[in-house]
Amino acid sequence: MKKKDTTQIRPKQSQRRPGKENKMKPEPQSDPVESNDKLKGKVALITGGDSGIGKATALLFASHGADIAIAYLSETEDAKTTQKEIEKMGRQCLLIKGDLSKESNCRKAVERTINKFSKLDILINNAALHWESEHLEDISTEQLTRTFQTNVFSYFWVTKYALPHLKKGSAIVNTTSVTAYRGSGKLIDYAATKGAVVGFTRSLAQSLAHKNIRVNAVAPGPIWTPLIASSFDKKRVSEFGSDTPLGRAGEPNEVATCFLFLASDDASYMSGQCLHPNGGEIING
């Protein structure tokens, strides 16, 4: 359904309260937004798209008509499984293996996407890692540097190389975390990187507003992903997410819908914002 052009300056007009919509010039747009094929004909690059939230987002995007490029670290088996599921939907999927904590691999991820699809419409910065540490003194400089390079620097670098290919109406969605808003005593460096992602999102949204490129974020709470199963001991894993108001961890596909909303025209008037699929925790963000 073609949208009416409301970019023109509205003519002077006045009405008695409460007013009549059919007397407004132009009339407000209230036609339902198309619910299917929200991303038809678009290309999305998703970092960390081999598993977890990234995989669920890739599959949902493909189901709405997008072709997908997935940048991942080393989990080739997971990546190929995701690729097969996307191709079963009739969409194309490009796998790009590489460590995004290195700037050169960020550049290559964008270049390979453009070489394959000749365009880029949606960028999902999602790759991240963390390690638990009991005390600040336990966080080595090596760990701190690696965490920031992966969780923050890669977002800067991938976006930097993607920007020349993005155009009016394109969307960038960054993955932050509930820890950016409430902190985490055992994930101090990780929470710090996610706070940086919030600042990056808000600042980039302001920077790109004049180009009509929207930038938003998603801040998941406890979500059942491979990173969780590989990071904590058996007891912590078994209790993971039970302290949320909803009493459980979320599933990746319960987060992917946030990314779809922000990447699609449904969110055409949202930029610099953050959605919070976190099981009901109020974090005032």
C-alpha atoms as a PDB file:
ATOM      1  CA  MET A   1       0.000   0.000   0.000  1.00  0.00           C
ATOM      2  CA  LYS A   2       1.610   3.259  -1.111  1.00  0.00           C
ATOM      3  CA  LYS A   3       1.970   5.859   1.580  1.00  0.00           C
ATOM      4  CA  LYS A   4       0.760   9.400   1.095  1.00  0.00           C
ATOM      5  CA  ASP A   5       3.440  12.059   0.923  1.00  0.00           C
ATOM      6  CA  THR A   6       3.314  14.049   4.137  1.00  0.00           C
ATOM      7  CA  THR A   7       6.750  15.632   3.855  1.00  0.00           C
ATOM      8  CA  GLN A   8       5.366  18.929   2.556  1.00  0.00           C
ATOM      9  CA  ILE A   9       4.751  21.850   4.882  1.00  0.00           C
ATOM     10  CA  ARG A  10       1.169  21.733   6.048  1.00  0.00           C
ATOM     11  CA  PRO A  11      -1.019  24.700   5.135  1.00  0.00           C
ATOM     12  CA  LYS A  12      -2.393  26.956   7.843  1.00  0.00           C
ATOM     13  CA  GLN A  13      -5.662  25.630   9.178  1.00  0.00           C
ATOM     14  CA  SER A  14      -7.820  25.747  12.275  1.00  0.00           C
ATOM     15  CA  GLN A  15     -10.844  23.906  13.583  1.00  0.00           C
ATOM     16  CA  ARG A  16     -13.101  23.811  16.604  1.00  0.00           C
ATOM     17  CA  ARG A  17     -12.184  21.196  19.197  1.00  0.00           C
ATOM     18  CA  PRO A  18     -12.058  18.250  18.991  1.00  0.00           C
ATOM     19  CA  GLY A  19     -11.624  18.696  15.222  1.00  0.00           C
ATOM     20  CA  LYS A  20     -12.572  16.611  12.189  1.00  0.00           C
ATOM     21  CA  GLU A  21     -10.049  14.407  10.445  1.00  0.00           C
ATOM     22  CA  ASN A  22     -11.612  14.834   6.982  1.00  0.00           C
ATOM     23  CA  LYS A  23     -11.092  18.595   7.242  1.00  0.00           C
ATOM     24  CA  MET A  24      -7.334  18.251   7.804  1.00  0.00           C
ATOM     25  CA  LYS A  25      -4.916  18.977   4.958  1.00  0.00           C
ATOM     26  CA  PRO A  26      -3.375  16.533   4.387  1.00  0.00           C
ATOM     27  CA  GLU A  27      -5.390  13.894   6.203  1.00  0.00           C
ATOM     28  CA  PRO A  28      -3.426  11.827   8.772  1.00  0.00           C
ATOM     29  CA  GLN A  29      -2.281   8.419   7.566  1.00  0.00           C
ATOM     30  CA  SER A  30      -4.212   5.679   9.320  1.00  0.00           C
ATOM     31  CA  ASP A  31      -4.201   2.886   6.738  1.00  0.00           C
ATOM     32  CA  PRO A  32      -3.040  -0.437   8.230  1.00  0.00           C
ATOM     33  CA  VAL A  33       0.624  -1.239   7.662  1.00  0.00           C
ATOM     34  CA  GLU A  34       1.144  -4.343   5.543  1.00  0.00           C
ATOM     35  CA  SER A  35       1.719  -7.296   7.886  1.00  0.00           C
ATOM     36  CA  ASN A  36       3.381  -9.705   5.449  1.00  0.00           C
ATOM     37  CA  ASP A  37       6.659  -9.413   3.550  1.00  0.00           C
ATOM     38  CA  LYS A  38       7.757  -6.465   5.660  1.00  0.00           C
ATOM     39  CA  LEU A  39      11.290  -6.755   4.236  1.00  0.00           C
ATOM     40  CA  LYS A  40      10.537  -7.929   0.711  1.00  0.00           C
ATOM     41  CA  GLY A  41      13.422  -7.278  -1.669  1.00  0.00           C
ATOM     42  CA  LYS A  42      15.764  -6.078   1.093  1.00  0.00           C
ATOM     43  CA  VAL A  43      19.216  -7.281   2.101  1.00  0.00           C
ATOM     44  CA  ALA A  44      20.272  -7.573   5.738  1.00  0.00           C
ATOM     45  CA  LEU A  45      23.741  -8.091   7.190  1.00  0.00           C
ATOM     46  CA  ILE A  46      23.558  -9.684  10.652  1.00  0.00           C
ATOM     47  CA  THR A  47      26.679 -10.073  12.758  1.00  0.00           C
ATOM     48  CA  GLY A  48      26.592 -13.050  15.085  1.00  0.00           C
ATOM     49  CA  GLY A  49      23.751 -14.443  13.001  1.00  0.00           C
ATOM     50  CA  ASP A  50      24.751 -18.085  13.182  1.00  0.00           C
ATOM     51  CA  SER A  51      22.912 -18.894  16.428  1.00  0.00           C
ATOM     52  CA  GLY A  52      20.866 -17.472  19.280  1.00  0.00           C
ATOM     53  CA  ILE A  53      19.216 -14.084  18.824  1.00  0.00           C
ATOM     54  CA  GLY A  54      21.065 -13.482  15.562  1.00  0.00           C
ATOM     55  CA  LYS A  55      19.824 -16.751  14.073  1.00  0.00           C
ATOM     56  CA  ALA A  56      16.224 -16.122  15.132  1.00  0.00           C
ATOM     57  CA  THR A  57      16.423 -12.646  13.614  1.00  0.00           C
ATOM     58  CA  ALA A  58      17.892 -13.979  10.367  1.00  0.00           C
ATOM     59  CA  LEU A  59      15.133 -16.573  10.039  1.00  0.00           C
ATOM     60  CA  LEU A  60      12.389 -14.056  10.792  1.00  0.00           C
ATOM     61  CA  PHE A  61      13.822 -11.548   8.319  1.00  0.00           C
ATOM     62  CA  ALA A  62      14.001 -14.249   5.640  1.00  0.00           C
ATOM     63  CA  SER A  63      10.395 -15.228   6.310  1.00  0.00           C
ATOM     64  CA  HIS A  64       9.487 -11.613   5.523  1.00  0.00           C
ATOM     65  CA  GLY A  65      11.300 -11.597   2.191  1.00  0.00           C
ATOM     66  CA  ALA A  66      14.862 -10.488   2.968  1.00  0.00           C
ATOM     67  CA  ASP A  67      18.086 -12.016   1.696  1.00  0.00           C
ATOM     68  CA  ILE A  68      20.603 -12.462   4.493  1.00  0.00           C
ATOM     69  CA  ALA A  69      24.347 -12.139   5.003  1.00  0.00           C
ATOM     70  CA  ILE A  70      25.590 -13.682   8.246  1.00  0.00           C
ATOM     71  CA  ALA A  71      28.944 -12.726   9.729  1.00  0.00           C
ATOM     72  CA  TYR A  72      30.105 -15.184  12.390  1.00  0.00           C
ATOM     73  CA  LEU A  73      33.234 -16.098  14.342  1.00  0.00           C
ATOM     74  CA  SER A  74      33.863 -19.841  14.072  1.00  0.00           C
ATOM     75  CA  GLU A  75      30.635 -21.815  14.570  1.00  0.00           C
ATOM     76  CA  THR A  76      30.452 -23.090  10.986  1.00  0.00           C
ATOM     77  CA  GLU A  77      28.092 -25.981  11.752  1.00  0.00           C
ATOM     78  CA  ASP A  78      25.531 -23.640  13.333  1.00  0.00           C
ATOM     79  CA  ALA A  79      25.970 -21.147  10.506  1.00  0.00           C
ATOM     80  CA  LYS A  80      25.372 -23.757   7.815  1.00  0.00           C
ATOM     81  CA  THR A  81      22.252 -24.997   9.605  1.00  0.00           C
ATOM     82  CA  THR A  82      20.894 -21.449   9.675  1.00  0.00           C
ATOM     83  CA  GLN A  83      21.796 -21.011   6.012  1.00  0.00           C
ATOM     84  CA  LYS A  84      19.878 -24.150   5.036  1.00  0.00           C
ATOM     85  CA  GLU A  85      16.780 -23.007   6.927  1.00  0.00           C
ATOM     86  CA  ILE A  86      16.884 -19.645   5.170  1.00  0.00           C
ATOM     87  CA  GLU A  87      17.323 -21.221   1.743  1.00  0.00           C
ATOM     88  CA  LYS A  88      14.339 -23.492   2.408  1.00  0.00           C
ATOM     89  CA  MET A  89      12.277 -20.298   2.533  1.00  0.00           C
ATOM     90  CA  GLY A  90      13.450 -19.414  -0.958  1.00  0.00           C
ATOM     91  CA  ARG A  91      15.814 -16.658   0.203  1.00  0.00           C
ATOM     92  CA  GLN A  92      19.558 -16.352  -0.312  1.00  0.00           C
ATOM     93  CA  CYS A  93      22.027 -16.573   2.569  1.00  0.00           C
ATOM     94  CA  LEU A  94      25.705 -15.649   2.481  1.00  0.00           C
ATOM     95  CA  LEU A  95      27.990 -16.922   5.248  1.00  0.00           C
ATOM     96  CA  ILE A  96      31.002 -14.793   6.181  1.00  0.00           C
ATOM     97  CA  LYS A  97      33.450 -16.336   8.657  1.00  0.00           C
ATOM     98  CA  GLY A  98      35.817 -14.020  10.491  1.00  0.00           C
ATOM     99  CA  ASP A  99      36.783 -12.431  13.776  1.00  0.00           C
ATOM    100  CA  LEU A 100      35.039  -9.054  13.880  1.00  0.00           C
ATOM    101  CA  SER A 101      37.300  -7.844  16.671  1.00  0.00           C
ATOM    102  CA  LYS A 102      39.661  -7.080  13.772  1.00  0.00           C
ATOM    103  CA  GLU A 103      38.765  -4.062  11.612  1.00  0.00           C
ATOM    104  CA  SER A 104      39.855  -5.743   8.381  1.00  0.00           C
ATOM    105  CA  ASN A 105      37.263  -8.496   8.860  1.00  0.00           C
ATOM    106  CA  CYS A 106      34.545  -5.911   9.463  1.00  0.00           C
ATOM    107  CA  ARG A 107      35.400  -4.285   6.164  1.00  0.00           C
ATOM    108  CA  LYS A 108      35.444  -7.661   4.401  1.00  0.00           C
ATOM    109  CA  ALA A 109      32.034  -8.581   5.812  1.00  0.00           C
ATOM    110  CA  VAL A 110      30.488  -5.512   4.200  1.00  0.00           C
ATOM    111  CA  GLU A 111      32.446  -5.917   0.963  1.00  0.00           C
ATOM    112  CA  ARG A 112      31.389  -9.549   0.566  1.00  0.00           C
ATOM    113  CA  THR A 113      27.762  -8.620   1.229  1.00  0.00           C
ATOM    114  CA  ILE A 114      27.861  -5.941  -1.474  1.00  0.00           C
ATOM    115  CA  ASN A 115      29.687  -8.239  -3.913  1.00  0.00           C
ATOM    116  CA  LYS A 116      26.973 -10.880  -3.443  1.00  0.00           C
ATOM    117  CA  PHE A 117      23.816  -8.777  -3.315  1.00  0.00           C
ATOM    118  CA  SER A 118      24.900  -5.413  -4.832  1.00  0.00           C
ATOM    119  CA  LYS A 119      23.177  -3.523  -2.015  1.00  0.00           C
ATOM    120  CA  LEU A 120      22.571  -3.325   1.719  1.00  0.00           C
ATOM    121  CA  ASP A 121      19.373  -2.109   3.384  1.00  0.00           C
ATOM    122  CA  ILE A 122      19.547  -3.328   6.981  1.00  0.00           C
ATOM    123  CA  LEU A 123      22.484  -3.695   9.360  1.00  0.00           C
ATOM    124  CA  ILE A 124      22.092  -5.687  12.573  1.00  0.00           C
ATOM    125  CA  ASN A 125      25.106  -5.291  14.880  1.00  0.00           C
ATOM    126  CA  ASN A 126      24.656  -8.247  17.190  1.00  0.00           C
ATOM    127  CA  ALA A 127      27.963 -10.087  17.724  1.00  0.00           C
ATOM    128  CA  ALA A 128      29.109 -10.132  21.350  1.00  0.00           C
ATOM    129  CA  LEU A 129      30.905 -12.165  23.994  1.00  0.00           C
ATOM    130  CA  HIS A 130      31.443 -12.086  27.743  1.00  0.00           C
ATOM    131  CA  TRP A 131      33.238 -13.803  30.615  1.00  0.00           C
ATOM    132  CA  GLU A 132      32.184 -13.799  34.253  1.00  0.00           C
ATOM    133  CA  SER A 133      34.617 -12.297  36.760  1.00  0.00           C
ATOM    134  CA  GLU A 134      34.055 -12.166  40.523  1.00  0.00           C
ATOM    135  CA  HIS A 135      35.995  -8.916  40.956  1.00  0.00           C
ATOM    136  CA  LEU A 136      37.213  -6.029  38.824  1.00  0.00           C
ATOM    137  CA  GLU A 137      40.771  -7.065  39.664  1.00  0.00           C
ATOM    138  CA  ASP A 138      40.132 -10.405  37.954  1.00  0.00           C
ATOM    139  CA  ILE A 139      39.497  -8.770  34.572  1.00  0.00           C
ATOM    140  CA  SER A 140      42.740  -8.833  32.624  1.00  0.00           C
ATOM    141  CA  THR A 141      43.664  -6.134  30.151  1.00  0.00           C
ATOM    142  CA  GLU A 142      43.533  -8.805  27.466  1.00  0.00           C
ATOM    143  CA  GLN A 143      39.943  -9.729  28.374  1.00  0.00           C
ATOM    144  CA  LEU A 144      38.883  -6.085  28.640  1.00  0.00           C
ATOM    145  CA  THR A 145      40.368  -5.272  25.252  1.00  0.00           C
ATOM    146  CA  ARG A 146      38.833  -8.318  23.561  1.00  0.00           C
ATOM    147  CA  THR A 147      35.398  -7.600  25.031  1.00  0.00           C
ATOM    148  CA  PHE A 148      35.414  -4.000  23.815  1.00  0.00           C
ATOM    149  CA  GLN A 149      36.846  -4.898  20.414  1.00  0.00           C
ATOM    150  CA  THR A 150      34.084  -7.419  19.781  1.00  0.00           C
ATOM    151  CA  ASN A 151      31.135  -5.740  21.491  1.00  0.00           C
ATOM    152  CA  VAL A 152      31.818  -2.091  20.629  1.00  0.00           C
ATOM    153  CA  PHE A 153      34.601  -1.625  18.088  1.00  0.00           C
ATOM    154  CA  SER A 154      33.053  -4.085  15.630  1.00  0.00           C
ATOM    155  CA  TYR A 155      29.813  -2.089  15.731  1.00  0.00           C
ATOM    156  CA  PHE A 156      31.720   1.073  14.835  1.00  0.00           C
ATOM    157  CA  TRP A 157      33.765  -0.624  12.119  1.00  0.00           C
ATOM    158  CA  VAL A 158      30.978  -2.590  10.419  1.00  0.00           C
ATOM    159  CA  THR A 159      28.755   0.498  10.445  1.00  0.00           C
ATOM    160  CA  LYS A 160      31.569   2.682   9.098  1.00  0.00           C
ATOM    161  CA  TYR A 161      32.020   0.452   6.067  1.00  0.00           C
ATOM    162  CA  ALA A 162      28.289  -0.115   5.603  1.00  0.00           C
ATOM    163  CA  LEU A 163      27.286   3.559   5.611  1.00  0.00           C
ATOM    164  CA  PRO A 164      28.346   4.351   2.022  1.00  0.00           C
ATOM    165  CA  HIS A 165      25.933   1.644   0.864  1.00  0.00           C
ATOM    166  CA  LEU A 166      22.962   2.587   3.041  1.00  0.00           C
ATOM    167  CA  LYS A 167      20.367   4.952   1.651  1.00  0.00           C
ATOM    168  CA  LYS A 168      17.225   6.803   2.632  1.00  0.00           C
ATOM    169  CA  GLY A 169      14.955   4.438   4.529  1.00  0.00           C
ATOM    170  CA  SER A 170      17.725   2.063   5.608  1.00  0.00           C
ATOM    171  CA  ALA A 171      17.865   0.829   9.192  1.00  0.00           C
ATOM    172  CA  ILE A 172      20.567  -0.021  11.703  1.00  0.00           C
ATOM    173  CA  VAL A 173      19.696  -1.993  14.841  1.00  0.00           C
ATOM    174  CA  ASN A 174      22.261  -2.616  17.574  1.00  0.00           C
ATOM    175  CA  THR A 175      22.099  -5.250  20.297  1.00  0.00           C
ATOM    176  CA  THR A 176      22.707  -3.857  23.765  1.00  0.00           C
ATOM    177  CA  SER A 177      21.591  -5.523  27.025  1.00  0.00           C
ATOM    178  CA  VAL A 178      19.585  -5.077  30.189  1.00  0.00           C
ATOM    179  CA  THR A 179      22.986  -4.928  31.916  1.00  0.00           C
ATOM    180  CA  ALA A 180      23.620  -1.570  30.248  1.00  0.00           C
ATOM    181  CA  TYR A 181      20.812  -0.124  32.376  1.00  0.00           C
ATOM    182  CA  ARG A 182      21.053  -1.980  35.700  1.00  0.00           C
ATOM    183  CA  GLY A 183      24.689  -3.091  35.658  1.00  0.00           C
ATOM    184  CA  SER A 184      26.132  -6.505  36.495  1.00  0.00           C
ATOM    185  CA  GLY A 185      28.529  -7.187  39.354  1.00  0.00           C
ATOM    186  CA  LYS A 186      30.076 -10.186  37.612  1.00  0.00           C
ATOM    187  CA  LEU A 187      29.984  -8.867  34.047  1.00  0.00           C
ATOM    188  CA  ILE A 188      31.488  -5.424  34.606  1.00  0.00           C
ATOM    189  CA  ASP A 189      33.364  -5.173  31.317  1.00  0.00           C
ATOM    190  CA  TYR A 190      30.446  -6.632  29.341  1.00  0.00           C
ATOM    191  CA  ALA A 191      27.936  -4.239  30.921  1.00  0.00           C
ATOM    192  CA  ALA A 192      30.290  -1.355  30.150  1.00  0.00           C
ATOM    193  CA  THR A 193      30.388  -2.333  26.472  1.00  0.00           C
ATOM    194  CA  LYS A 194      26.609  -2.542  26.331  1.00  0.00           C
ATOM    195  CA  GLY A 195      26.326   0.904  27.889  1.00  0.00           C
ATOM    196  CA  ALA A 196      28.632   2.128  25.142  1.00  0.00           C
ATOM    197  CA  VAL A 197      26.315   0.585  22.541  1.00  0.00           C
ATOM    198  CA  VAL A 198      23.414   2.632  23.938  1.00  0.00           C
ATOM    199  CA  GLY A 199      25.439   5.838  23.602  1.00  0.00           C
ATOM    200  CA  PHE A 200      26.572   4.807  20.121  1.00  0.00           C
ATOM    201  CA  THR A 201      22.980   4.152  19.064  1.00  0.00           C
ATOM    202  CA  ARG A 202      21.630   7.469  20.300  1.00  0.00           C
ATOM    203  CA  SER A 203      24.522   9.479  18.864  1.00  0.00           C
ATOM    204  CA  LEU A 204      24.475   7.737  15.481  1.00  0.00           C
ATOM    205  CA  ALA A 205      20.714   8.231  15.263  1.00  0.00           C
ATOM    206  CA  GLN A 206      21.244  11.985  15.573  1.00  0.00           C
ATOM    207  CA  SER A 207      24.106  11.925  13.094  1.00  0.00           C
ATOM    208  CA  LEU A 208      22.137  10.092  10.396  1.00  0.00           C
ATOM    209  CA  ALA A 209      18.694  11.635  10.887  1.00  0.00           C
ATOM    210  CA  HIS A 210      19.203  14.073   7.997  1.00  0.00           C
ATOM    211  CA  LYS A 211      19.799  11.086   5.709  1.00  0.00           C
ATOM    212  CA  ASN A 212      16.614   9.387   6.955  1.00  0.00           C
ATOM    213  CA  ILE A 213      18.628   6.374   8.117  1.00  0.00           C
ATOM    214  CA  ARG A 214      17.126   5.126  11.365  1.00  0.00           C
ATOM    215  CA  VAL A 215      19.275   3.754  14.211  1.00  0.00           C
ATOM    216  CA  ASN A 216      17.748   1.877  17.149  1.00  0.00           C
ATOM    217  CA  ALA A 217      18.662  -0.812  19.659  1.00  0.00           C
ATOM    218  CA  VAL A 218      17.305  -3.865  21.432  1.00  0.00           C
ATOM    219  CA  ALA A 219      18.265  -4.599  25.062  1.00  0.00           C
ATOM    220  CA  PRO A 220      17.469  -8.238  25.809  1.00  0.00           C
ATOM    221  CA  GLY A 221      17.260  -9.610  29.315  1.00  0.00           C
ATOM    222  CA  PRO A 222      18.142 -13.255  30.032  1.00  0.00           C
ATOM    223  CA  ILE A 223      17.736 -15.125  26.742  1.00  0.00           C
ATOM    224  CA  TRP A 224      18.479 -18.824  26.221  1.00  0.00           C
ATOM    225  CA  THR A 225      21.416 -18.815  23.776  1.00  0.00           C
ATOM    226  CA  PRO A 226      24.653 -20.801  23.293  1.00  0.00           C
ATOM    227  CA  LEU A 227      26.608 -17.986  24.959  1.00  0.00           C
ATOM    228  CA  ILE A 228      24.727 -18.681  28.191  1.00  0.00           C
ATOM    229  CA  ALA A 229      25.167 -22.440  28.079  1.00  0.00           C
ATOM    230  CA  SER A 230      28.898 -22.002  27.461  1.00  0.00           C
ATOM    231  CA  SER A 231      29.502 -19.260  30.044  1.00  0.00           C
ATOM    232  CA  PHE A 232      28.009 -20.426  33.346  1.00  0.00           C
ATOM    233  CA  ASP A 233      28.165 -23.507  35.593  1.00  0.00           C
ATOM    234  CA  LYS A 234      25.384 -26.112  35.659  1.00  0.00           C
ATOM    235  CA  LYS A 235      23.577 -24.546  38.612  1.00  0.00           C
ATOM    236  CA  ARG A 236      23.571 -21.060  37.089  1.00  0.00           C
ATOM    237  CA  VAL A 237      22.382 -22.433  33.768  1.00  0.00           C
ATOM    238  CA  SER A 238      19.531 -24.354  35.412  1.00  0.00           C
ATOM    239  CA  GLU A 239      18.354 -21.193  37.210  1.00  0.00           C
ATOM    240  CA  PHE A 240      18.972 -18.810  34.345  1.00  0.00           C
ATOM    241  CA  GLY A 241      16.173 -16.254  33.969  1.00  0.00           C
ATOM    242  CA  SER A 242      14.168 -17.464  36.963  1.00  0.00           C
ATOM    243  CA  ASP A 243      14.632 -14.119  38.759  1.00  0.00           C
ATOM    244  CA  THR A 244      12.697 -12.130  36.130  1.00  0.00           C
ATOM    245  CA  PRO A 245       9.107 -11.033  36.869  1.00  0.00           C
ATOM    246  CA  LEU A 246       7.909 -13.582  34.287  1.00  0.00           C
ATOM    247  CA  GLY A 247       9.955 -16.251  36.053  1.00  0.00           C
ATOM    248  CA  ARG A 248      11.836 -17.644  33.070  1.00  0.00           C
ATOM    249  CA  ALA A 249      14.449 -16.956  30.443  1.00  0.00           C
ATOM    250  CA  GLY A 250      13.269 -15.704  27.077  1.00  0.00           C
ATOM    251  CA  GLU A 251      13.685 -17.475  23.765  1.00  0.00           C
ATOM    252  CA  PRO A 252      15.589 -15.967  20.814  1.00  0.00           C
ATOM    253  CA  ASN A 253      12.423 -15.810  18.705  1.00  0.00           C
ATOM    254  CA  GLU A 254      10.814 -13.659  21.405  1.00  0.00           C
ATOM    255  CA  VAL A 255      13.530 -11.075  20.791  1.00  0.00           C
ATOM    256  CA  ALA A 256      13.715 -11.328  17.004  1.00  0.00           C
ATOM    257  CA  THR A 257      10.324  -9.649  16.654  1.00  0.00           C
ATOM    258  CA  CYS A 258      11.825  -6.484  18.157  1.00  0.00           C
ATOM    259  CA  PHE A 259      14.497  -6.450  15.462  1.00  0.00           C
ATOM    260  CA  LEU A 260      11.898  -6.992  12.740  1.00  0.00           C
ATOM    261  CA  PHE A 261       9.812  -4.098  13.999  1.00  0.00           C
ATOM    262  CA  LEU A 262      12.764  -1.703  14.159  1.00  0.00           C
ATOM    263  CA  ALA A 263      14.144  -2.799  10.782  1.00  0.00           C
ATOM    264  CA  SER A 264      10.824  -2.468   8.970  1.00  0.00           C
ATOM    265  CA  ASP A 265       8.699   0.488   7.961  1.00  0.00           C
ATOM    266  CA  ASP A 266       6.511  -0.263  10.987  1.00  0.00           C
ATOM    267  CA  ALA A 267       9.086   1.752  12.942  1.00  0.00           C
ATOM    268  CA  SER A 268       9.439   4.535  10.370  1.00  0.00           C
ATOM    269  CA  TYR A 269       9.056   7.213  13.081  1.00  0.00           C
ATOM    270  CA  MET A 270      11.445   5.650  15.579  1.00  0.00           C
ATOM    271  CA  SER A 271      15.146   6.431  15.831  1.00  0.00           C
ATOM    272  CA  GLY A 272      17.543   6.591  18.751  1.00  0.00           C
ATOM    273  CA  GLN A 273      15.263   4.297  20.772  1.00  0.00           C
ATOM    274  CA  CYS A 274      15.657   0.981  22.574  1.00  0.00           C
ATOM    275  CA  LEU A 275      13.226  -1.907  23.029  1.00  0.00           C
ATOM    276  CA  HIS A 276      13.435  -4.071  26.161  1.00  0.00           C
ATOM    277  CA  PRO A 277      12.432  -7.743  25.836  1.00  0.00           C
ATOM    278  CA  ASN A 278      13.591  -8.673  29.339  1.00  0.00           C
ATOM    279  CA  GLY A 279      10.853 -10.654  31.062  1.00  0.00           C
ATOM    280  CA  GLY A 280       9.210  -7.681  32.739  1.00  0.00           C
ATOM    281  CA  GLU A 281      12.087  -5.928  34.489  1.00  0.00           C
ATOM    282  CA  ILE A 282      11.535  -2.160  34.691  1.00  0.00           C
ATOM    283  CA  ILE A 283      14.842  -0.421  33.992  1.00  0.00           C
ATOM    284  CA  ASN A 284      13.712   3.130  33.107  1.00  0.00           C
ATOM    285  CA  GLY A 285      15.731   3.222  29.889  1.00  0.00           C
END
